[in-house]
Amino acid sequence: MKTYDIAMIGGDGIGPEVIESSWPIFQTAAKNHGVALKSQSFEWSCDYYIKTGRMMPEDGIEILRPFDAILLGAVGWPAKVPDSVSLHGLLLPIRKAFDLYVNARPHRLLPGISGPLRKNDFDILCIRENTEGEYSGAGGRVHIGSPDEVAVETSIFTRNGVERILRYAFEQARKRSKRLASVTKSNAQKHSMVFWDDVTRSLAPEYPDVQVTSYHIDAIAARFITHPETLDVVVASNLFGDILTDIGAAIQGGLGFAASANVNPRGRVPSMFEPVHGSAPDIAGKGLANPLATIWSGALMLEQLGQADAARSIMAAMETVIKTGKLTPDCGGTATTNEVAQAIAEAVENQPVKWS
């Protein structure tokens, strides 16, 4: 039986509880389909920073490198550690060290969930460039605290970085409806975003079966709300993808459904999977956290590991439990984090088709 080694980083706030409650689901789904998952937990977090002065050990990247995948709960507890420290000390270094240049986030309403829109027939896959662009970290501040203080934040767009994320998006579009939306703001940002548009046009002839439409970020943000059913695969830079995926989470029922995969499609390094609902310190430890985003992220993890049947079994179990109304308070239910996760684990266990 093949075994996958998974690094689990609960992180901050509700992160540890959603990871802990969801892990048996992934193990059960894997076992049912003839593979095994073995985990090792790491207590890297804001509390770890307070104790050690670092969000993770100096050799943290090398510690993670041998694993098949990383499952992350949440990063950040602003009352303890500034977000600029926690984010740049744990999440971003992992993404950049392993060159996890694809951030993929699915947005659709699961059966039984009511979103804020009158429309419920959308199925959008957002592909966000994950390692450069507006979040490159290039820049600085001078004359700090004086009337002459200056802050500079420089976006970095490379041909390699833009081309590879666009190619990934084209390939995903080919697997789906063969429709791709590319997002920029080239009417205002005449260097970086015109460059993105130029690269998109240069690649399009290699994918003649894919229909490409270019949108400005403000126009497509509105379209997410007014006509989401017209969108399928959406590709955007780091900042614009960040914005659009939060809108996508909102229309699919809230951040409790916001699953994500941080992937290096070339392999050889562990990809990272995380719910992107944040650490929500105000409800940490109260059993109120919605585990569905974590469970969906775990399904993405199994799919990326080549276990598509196990991933589908998790999604089917989620839909089964949602239809029963067993939901956390953010979705109008009364169930606890563990009660929802346990119900889904039982639904996975009771599925009739198993590996033999």
Protein backbone atom coordinates (compact mmCIF):
# COMPACT_ATOMS: atom_id res chain seq x y z
CA MET A 1 0.00 0.00 0.00
CA LYS A 2 1.44 3.34 -1.04
CA THR A 3 1.89 5.82 1.82
CA TYR A 4 1.97 9.59 1.46
CA ASP A 5 3.78 11.65 4.08
CA ILE A 6 1.89 14.81 4.97
CA ALA A 7 3.30 17.73 6.98
CA MET A 8 0.54 19.27 9.08
CA ILE A 9 0.91 22.87 10.28
CA GLY A 10 -2.13 23.87 12.34
CA GLY A 11 -0.88 27.41 12.78
CA ASP A 12 -2.98 29.99 14.58
CA GLY A 13 -6.51 30.57 15.81
CA ILE A 14 -8.98 28.05 14.41
CA GLY A 15 -6.27 26.49 12.24
CA PRO A 16 -5.33 23.62 14.59
CA GLU A 17 -8.95 22.62 15.26
CA VAL A 18 -10.06 22.52 11.62
CA ILE A 19 -6.97 20.49 10.69
CA GLU A 20 -7.38 18.07 13.59
CA SER A 21 -11.10 17.51 12.98
CA SER A 22 -10.63 16.99 9.23
CA TRP A 23 -7.63 14.66 9.24
CA PRO A 24 -9.64 11.41 9.88
CA ILE A 25 -11.70 12.17 6.75
CA PHE A 26 -8.60 12.22 4.57
CA GLN A 27 -7.24 9.05 6.15
CA THR A 28 -10.53 7.21 5.64
CA ALA A 29 -10.87 8.31 2.01
CA ALA A 30 -7.28 7.31 1.29
CA LYS A 31 -7.68 3.90 2.94
CA ASN A 32 -10.90 3.24 1.03
CA HIS A 33 -8.99 3.73 -2.21
CA GLY A 34 -5.94 1.66 -1.41
CA VAL A 35 -3.43 4.20 -0.13
CA ALA A 36 -2.38 5.51 3.27
CA LEU A 37 -1.64 8.91 4.75
CA LYS A 38 0.94 9.44 7.48
CA SER A 39 1.22 12.81 9.18
CA GLN A 40 3.76 14.75 11.19
CA SER A 41 2.57 17.86 13.01
CA PHE A 42 4.56 21.06 13.41
CA GLU A 43 3.58 23.71 15.96
CA TRP A 44 4.86 26.62 13.88
CA SER A 45 2.68 29.62 14.65
CA CYS A 46 2.56 33.03 16.31
CA ASP A 47 2.94 31.32 19.68
CA TYR A 48 6.04 29.60 18.33
CA TYR A 49 7.31 33.04 17.25
CA ILE A 50 6.78 34.44 20.74
CA LYS A 51 8.82 31.56 22.18
CA THR A 52 11.60 31.46 19.60
CA GLY A 53 11.61 34.73 17.65
CA ARG A 54 10.82 32.85 14.42
CA MET A 55 7.62 31.62 12.79
CA MET A 56 9.42 28.38 11.91
CA PRO A 57 12.92 27.05 12.50
CA GLU A 58 15.78 28.36 10.41
CA ASP A 59 15.88 25.01 8.59
CA GLY A 60 12.08 24.79 8.34
CA ILE A 61 12.07 24.60 4.54
CA GLU A 62 14.51 21.70 4.53
CA ILE A 63 12.42 19.96 7.19
CA LEU A 64 9.37 20.20 4.92
CA ARG A 65 11.13 19.29 1.67
CA PRO A 66 10.87 15.45 1.95
CA PHE A 67 7.10 15.47 2.48
CA ASP A 68 4.61 14.66 -0.27
CA ALA A 69 2.32 17.55 0.68
CA ILE A 70 1.74 20.21 3.32
CA LEU A 71 -1.61 20.80 5.00
CA LEU A 72 -1.86 24.24 6.59
CA GLY A 73 -4.60 25.51 8.92
CA ALA A 74 -4.20 29.28 9.20
CA VAL A 75 -1.50 31.86 9.83
CA GLY A 76 -1.85 35.02 11.87
CA TRP A 77 -2.87 36.39 15.25
CA PRO A 78 -2.48 40.18 15.00
CA ALA A 79 -2.96 40.77 18.71
CA LYS A 80 0.17 38.71 19.31
CA VAL A 81 2.32 39.18 16.21
CA PRO A 82 1.93 41.69 13.35
CA ASP A 83 0.60 40.12 10.15
CA SER A 84 3.61 41.51 8.29
CA VAL A 85 5.77 39.27 10.49
CA SER A 86 3.63 36.12 10.58
CA LEU A 87 2.81 36.04 6.88
CA HIS A 88 6.36 36.74 5.77
CA GLY A 89 7.75 34.31 8.32
CA LEU A 90 5.77 31.19 7.42
CA LEU A 91 3.27 31.19 4.55
CA LEU A 92 5.14 33.25 1.96
CA PRO A 93 8.54 31.62 2.52
CA ILE A 94 6.99 28.19 1.90
CA ARG A 95 5.32 29.35 -1.30
CA LYS A 96 8.49 30.96 -2.60
CA ALA A 97 11.02 28.33 -1.47
CA PHE A 98 9.11 25.54 -3.20
CA ASP A 99 8.13 27.79 -6.12
CA LEU A 100 4.43 27.07 -5.59
CA TYR A 101 3.54 29.43 -8.37
CA VAL A 102 -0.04 28.23 -8.86
CA ASN A 103 -2.72 29.17 -6.36
CA ALA A 104 -5.90 27.39 -7.47
CA ARG A 105 -9.25 28.08 -5.80
CA PRO A 106 -12.58 26.52 -6.80
CA HIS A 107 -15.76 28.57 -6.46
CA ARG A 108 -19.14 26.88 -6.72
CA LEU A 109 -22.20 26.51 -4.54
CA LEU A 110 -22.38 23.08 -2.99
CA PRO A 111 -25.90 21.57 -3.06
CA GLY A 112 -27.80 22.68 0.04
CA ILE A 113 -25.88 25.93 0.49
CA SER A 114 -27.53 29.27 -0.21
CA GLY A 115 -25.26 32.02 -1.49
CA PRO A 116 -25.98 35.75 -1.44
CA LEU A 117 -26.79 35.83 -5.17
CA ARG A 118 -29.96 34.78 -6.95
CA LYS A 119 -27.74 32.70 -9.25
CA ASN A 120 -26.45 29.32 -8.21
CA ASP A 121 -25.25 27.73 -11.46
CA PHE A 122 -21.67 29.00 -11.49
CA ASP A 123 -18.50 26.90 -11.36
CA ILE A 124 -15.38 29.06 -11.43
CA LEU A 125 -11.77 27.99 -11.05
CA CYS A 126 -9.51 30.92 -10.15
CA ILE A 127 -5.83 30.57 -11.00
CA ARG A 128 -3.73 33.13 -9.14
CA GLU A 129 -0.05 33.74 -9.76
CA ASN A 130 1.49 33.00 -6.40
CA THR A 131 5.15 33.97 -6.24
CA GLU A 132 5.76 37.37 -7.84
CA GLY A 133 3.70 40.30 -9.12
CA GLU A 134 2.42 42.78 -6.58
CA TYR A 135 3.45 40.61 -3.60
CA SER A 136 7.10 40.24 -4.58
CA GLY A 137 8.23 42.21 -1.52
CA ALA A 138 10.53 44.48 -3.49
CA GLY A 139 10.77 48.01 -2.14
CA GLY A 140 11.33 49.73 1.16
CA ARG A 141 10.85 52.79 3.36
CA VAL A 142 13.20 55.68 4.03
CA HIS A 143 13.08 58.65 6.44
CA ILE A 144 10.72 56.61 8.59
CA GLY A 145 8.63 58.70 10.97
CA SER A 146 9.58 62.01 9.41
CA PRO A 147 7.45 64.31 7.24
CA ASP A 148 9.63 63.25 4.30
CA GLU A 149 8.97 59.53 4.74
CA VAL A 150 8.76 57.57 1.48
CA ALA A 151 7.42 54.05 0.92
CA VAL A 152 8.02 52.17 -2.34
CA GLU A 153 6.43 48.85 -3.25
CA THR A 154 7.58 47.49 -6.59
CA SER A 155 5.67 44.84 -8.53
CA ILE A 156 7.86 42.30 -10.29
CA PHE A 157 6.56 40.56 -13.41
CA THR A 158 8.88 38.22 -15.32
CA ARG A 159 8.19 36.60 -18.66
CA ASN A 160 8.84 33.20 -17.11
CA GLY A 161 6.45 33.87 -14.25
CA VAL A 162 3.64 35.25 -16.38
CA GLU A 163 4.00 32.67 -19.14
CA ARG A 164 3.96 29.65 -16.85
CA ILE A 165 0.86 30.72 -14.92
CA LEU A 166 -0.94 31.47 -18.18
CA ARG A 167 0.03 28.09 -19.61
CA TYR A 168 -1.31 26.37 -16.52
CA ALA A 169 -4.58 28.30 -16.90
CA PHE A 170 -4.85 27.44 -20.60
CA GLU A 171 -4.38 23.75 -19.74
CA GLN A 172 -7.06 23.90 -17.04
CA ALA A 173 -9.43 25.59 -19.48
CA ARG A 174 -8.82 22.77 -21.96
CA LYS A 175 -9.92 20.26 -19.32
CA ARG A 176 -13.10 22.21 -18.54
CA SER A 177 -15.23 24.37 -20.83
CA LYS A 178 -12.38 25.72 -22.99
CA ARG A 179 -13.06 29.27 -21.81
CA LEU A 180 -10.39 31.40 -20.17
CA ALA A 181 -10.67 34.89 -18.67
CA SER A 182 -7.39 36.77 -18.25
CA VAL A 183 -7.45 39.68 -15.79
CA THR A 184 -5.37 42.86 -15.84
CA LYS A 185 -5.69 46.63 -15.49
CA SER A 186 -3.80 47.50 -18.64
CA ASN A 187 -5.70 50.71 -19.26
CA ALA A 188 -4.06 52.19 -16.14
CA GLN A 189 -0.91 50.10 -15.54
CA LYS A 190 0.79 50.54 -18.87
CA HIS A 191 3.88 48.49 -18.19
CA SER A 192 3.22 45.39 -16.10
CA MET A 193 -0.38 44.79 -17.16
CA VAL A 194 0.18 45.56 -20.83
CA PHE A 195 3.05 43.07 -20.61
CA TRP A 196 0.64 40.45 -19.15
CA ASP A 197 -1.80 41.10 -22.02
CA ASP A 198 1.01 40.80 -24.57
CA VAL A 199 2.11 37.42 -23.18
CA THR A 200 -1.50 36.22 -23.18
CA ARG A 201 -1.89 37.13 -26.85
CA SER A 202 1.42 35.49 -27.73
CA LEU A 203 0.37 32.17 -26.14
CA ALA A 204 -3.21 32.07 -27.39
CA PRO A 205 -2.34 30.64 -30.87
CA GLU A 206 -0.87 27.57 -29.14
CA TYR A 207 -4.31 26.88 -27.66
CA PRO A 208 -6.68 27.44 -30.59
CA ASP A 209 -9.40 25.40 -28.90
CA VAL A 210 -9.55 27.82 -25.92
CA GLN A 211 -11.56 31.01 -26.12
CA VAL A 212 -9.68 33.80 -24.34
CA THR A 213 -11.34 36.97 -23.06
CA SER A 214 -9.37 39.77 -21.41
CA TYR A 215 -11.02 41.70 -18.57
CA HIS A 216 -10.01 44.64 -16.44
CA ILE A 217 -10.08 43.81 -12.74
CA ASP A 218 -12.93 46.19 -11.92
CA ALA A 219 -15.11 44.86 -14.73
CA ILE A 220 -14.60 41.20 -13.85
CA ALA A 221 -15.11 41.89 -10.14
CA ALA A 222 -18.56 43.17 -11.07
CA ARG A 223 -19.15 40.18 -13.38
CA PHE A 224 -18.42 37.78 -10.50
CA ILE A 225 -21.53 39.22 -8.86
CA THR A 226 -23.81 39.98 -11.81
CA HIS A 227 -23.00 37.14 -14.23
CA PRO A 228 -20.80 34.52 -12.51
CA GLU A 229 -22.26 31.76 -14.68
CA THR A 230 -20.45 33.28 -17.70
CA LEU A 231 -17.03 32.59 -16.17
CA ASP A 232 -15.11 29.34 -15.96
CA VAL A 233 -11.31 29.48 -15.61
CA VAL A 234 -10.03 32.88 -14.48
CA VAL A 235 -6.32 33.71 -14.35
CA ALA A 236 -4.89 36.77 -12.62
CA SER A 237 -1.82 38.25 -10.97
CA ASN A 238 -1.09 37.85 -7.28
CA LEU A 239 -3.03 40.91 -6.07
CA PHE A 240 -5.91 40.72 -8.51
CA GLY A 241 -6.26 36.97 -7.89
CA ASP A 242 -6.33 37.64 -4.16
CA ILE A 243 -9.21 40.08 -4.58
CA LEU A 244 -11.23 37.91 -6.97
CA THR A 245 -10.95 34.78 -4.86
CA ASP A 246 -12.42 36.55 -1.84
CA ILE A 247 -15.35 37.63 -4.02
CA GLY A 248 -15.59 34.04 -5.23
CA ALA A 249 -15.67 32.79 -1.65
CA ALA A 250 -18.40 35.29 -0.79
CA ILE A 251 -20.71 34.21 -3.61
CA GLN A 252 -20.20 30.52 -2.86
CA GLY A 253 -21.48 30.92 0.69
CA GLY A 254 -18.65 32.55 2.61
CA LEU A 255 -15.05 32.05 3.64
CA GLY A 256 -16.01 28.79 5.33
CA PHE A 257 -15.92 27.25 1.83
CA ALA A 258 -12.70 28.89 0.62
CA ALA A 259 -10.38 26.02 -0.27
CA SER A 260 -7.06 26.43 -2.00
CA ALA A 261 -4.11 24.59 -3.47
CA ASN A 262 -0.60 26.06 -3.70
CA VAL A 263 1.03 23.96 -6.40
CA ASN A 264 4.25 23.56 -8.30
CA PRO A 265 2.97 21.54 -11.29
CA ARG A 266 6.50 20.35 -12.05
CA GLY A 267 6.56 18.28 -8.85
CA ARG A 268 9.65 17.29 -6.86
CA VAL A 269 8.59 19.54 -3.98
CA PRO A 270 5.60 19.37 -1.63
CA SER A 271 2.57 21.40 -2.67
CA MET A 272 0.62 23.11 0.12
CA PHE A 273 -3.12 23.01 0.74
CA GLU A 274 -4.99 25.40 2.99
CA PRO A 275 -8.36 26.90 3.78
CA VAL A 276 -8.14 30.64 3.24
CA HIS A 277 -10.70 31.76 5.79
CA GLY A 278 -8.07 33.17 8.11
CA SER A 279 -7.33 32.30 11.70
CA ALA A 280 -10.47 33.88 13.23
CA PRO A 281 -8.98 34.25 16.75
CA ASP A 282 -12.32 35.46 18.12
CA ILE A 283 -13.90 32.01 17.74
CA ALA A 284 -10.81 29.87 18.30
CA GLY A 285 -11.44 26.92 20.58
CA LYS A 286 -15.22 27.40 20.67
CA GLY A 287 -16.15 24.68 18.18
CA LEU A 288 -17.75 27.25 15.86
CA ALA A 289 -15.27 27.08 12.98
CA ASN A 290 -16.55 25.77 9.66
CA PRO A 291 -14.31 22.81 8.64
CA LEU A 292 -15.64 22.57 5.06
CA ALA A 293 -12.91 24.74 3.51
CA THR A 294 -10.26 22.54 5.13
CA ILE A 295 -12.02 19.36 4.02
CA TRP A 296 -12.32 20.69 0.47
CA SER A 297 -8.61 21.61 0.57
CA GLY A 298 -7.84 18.04 1.63
CA ALA A 299 -9.76 16.78 -1.40
CA LEU A 300 -7.62 19.05 -3.58
CA MET A 301 -4.56 17.57 -1.89
CA LEU A 302 -5.58 13.99 -2.67
CA GLU A 303 -6.37 14.95 -6.25
CA GLN A 304 -2.94 16.53 -6.66
CA LEU A 305 -1.35 13.39 -5.22
CA GLY A 306 -3.01 11.39 -8.00
CA GLN A 307 -5.87 10.04 -5.89
CA ALA A 308 -8.79 11.53 -7.80
CA ASP A 309 -11.27 8.85 -6.69
CA ALA A 310 -10.50 9.50 -3.03
CA ALA A 311 -10.91 13.23 -3.63
CA ARG A 312 -14.29 12.70 -5.30
CA SER A 313 -15.41 10.54 -2.41
CA ILE A 314 -14.74 13.41 0.02
CA MET A 315 -16.67 15.90 -2.10
CA ALA A 316 -19.59 13.48 -2.40
CA ALA A 317 -19.60 12.96 1.37
CA MET A 318 -19.54 16.72 1.97
CA GLU A 319 -22.57 17.18 -0.28
CA THR A 320 -24.41 14.33 1.45
CA VAL A 321 -23.90 15.85 4.90
CA ILE A 322 -24.69 19.40 3.78
CA LYS A 323 -28.05 18.24 2.43
CA THR A 324 -28.94 16.94 5.89
CA GLY A 325 -28.52 20.44 7.32
CA LYS A 326 -25.66 19.49 9.64
CA LEU A 327 -23.79 22.79 9.39
CA THR A 328 -21.91 25.20 11.61
CA PRO A 329 -23.53 28.49 12.74
CA ASP A 330 -22.00 30.56 9.93
CA CYS A 331 -24.18 28.53 7.54
CA GLY A 332 -27.28 28.73 9.69
CA GLY A 333 -26.74 25.42 11.47
CA THR A 334 -26.13 24.45 15.06
CA ALA A 335 -23.46 21.75 14.68
CA THR A 336 -19.96 22.09 16.04
CA THR A 337 -16.75 21.83 14.06
CA ASN A 338 -16.20 18.26 15.18
CA GLU A 339 -19.81 17.22 14.59
CA VAL A 340 -19.68 18.32 10.97
CA ALA A 341 -16.32 16.67 10.39
CA GLN A 342 -17.39 13.43 12.08
CA ALA A 343 -20.55 13.25 9.98
CA ILE A 344 -18.50 13.63 6.79
CA ALA A 345 -16.00 11.00 7.97
CA GLU A 346 -18.90 8.60 8.52
CA ALA A 347 -20.32 9.40 5.09
CA VAL A 348 -16.95 8.62 3.50
CA GLU A 349 -16.72 5.37 5.47
CA ASN A 350 -20.21 4.30 4.40
CA GLN A 351 -19.76 4.90 0.70
CA PRO A 352 -20.47 1.63 -1.15
CA VAL A 353 -17.57 1.73 -3.61
CA LYS A 354 -14.24 0.98 -2.00
CA TRP A 355 -10.83 -0.24 -3.08
CA SER A 356 -10.21 -3.94 -2.78
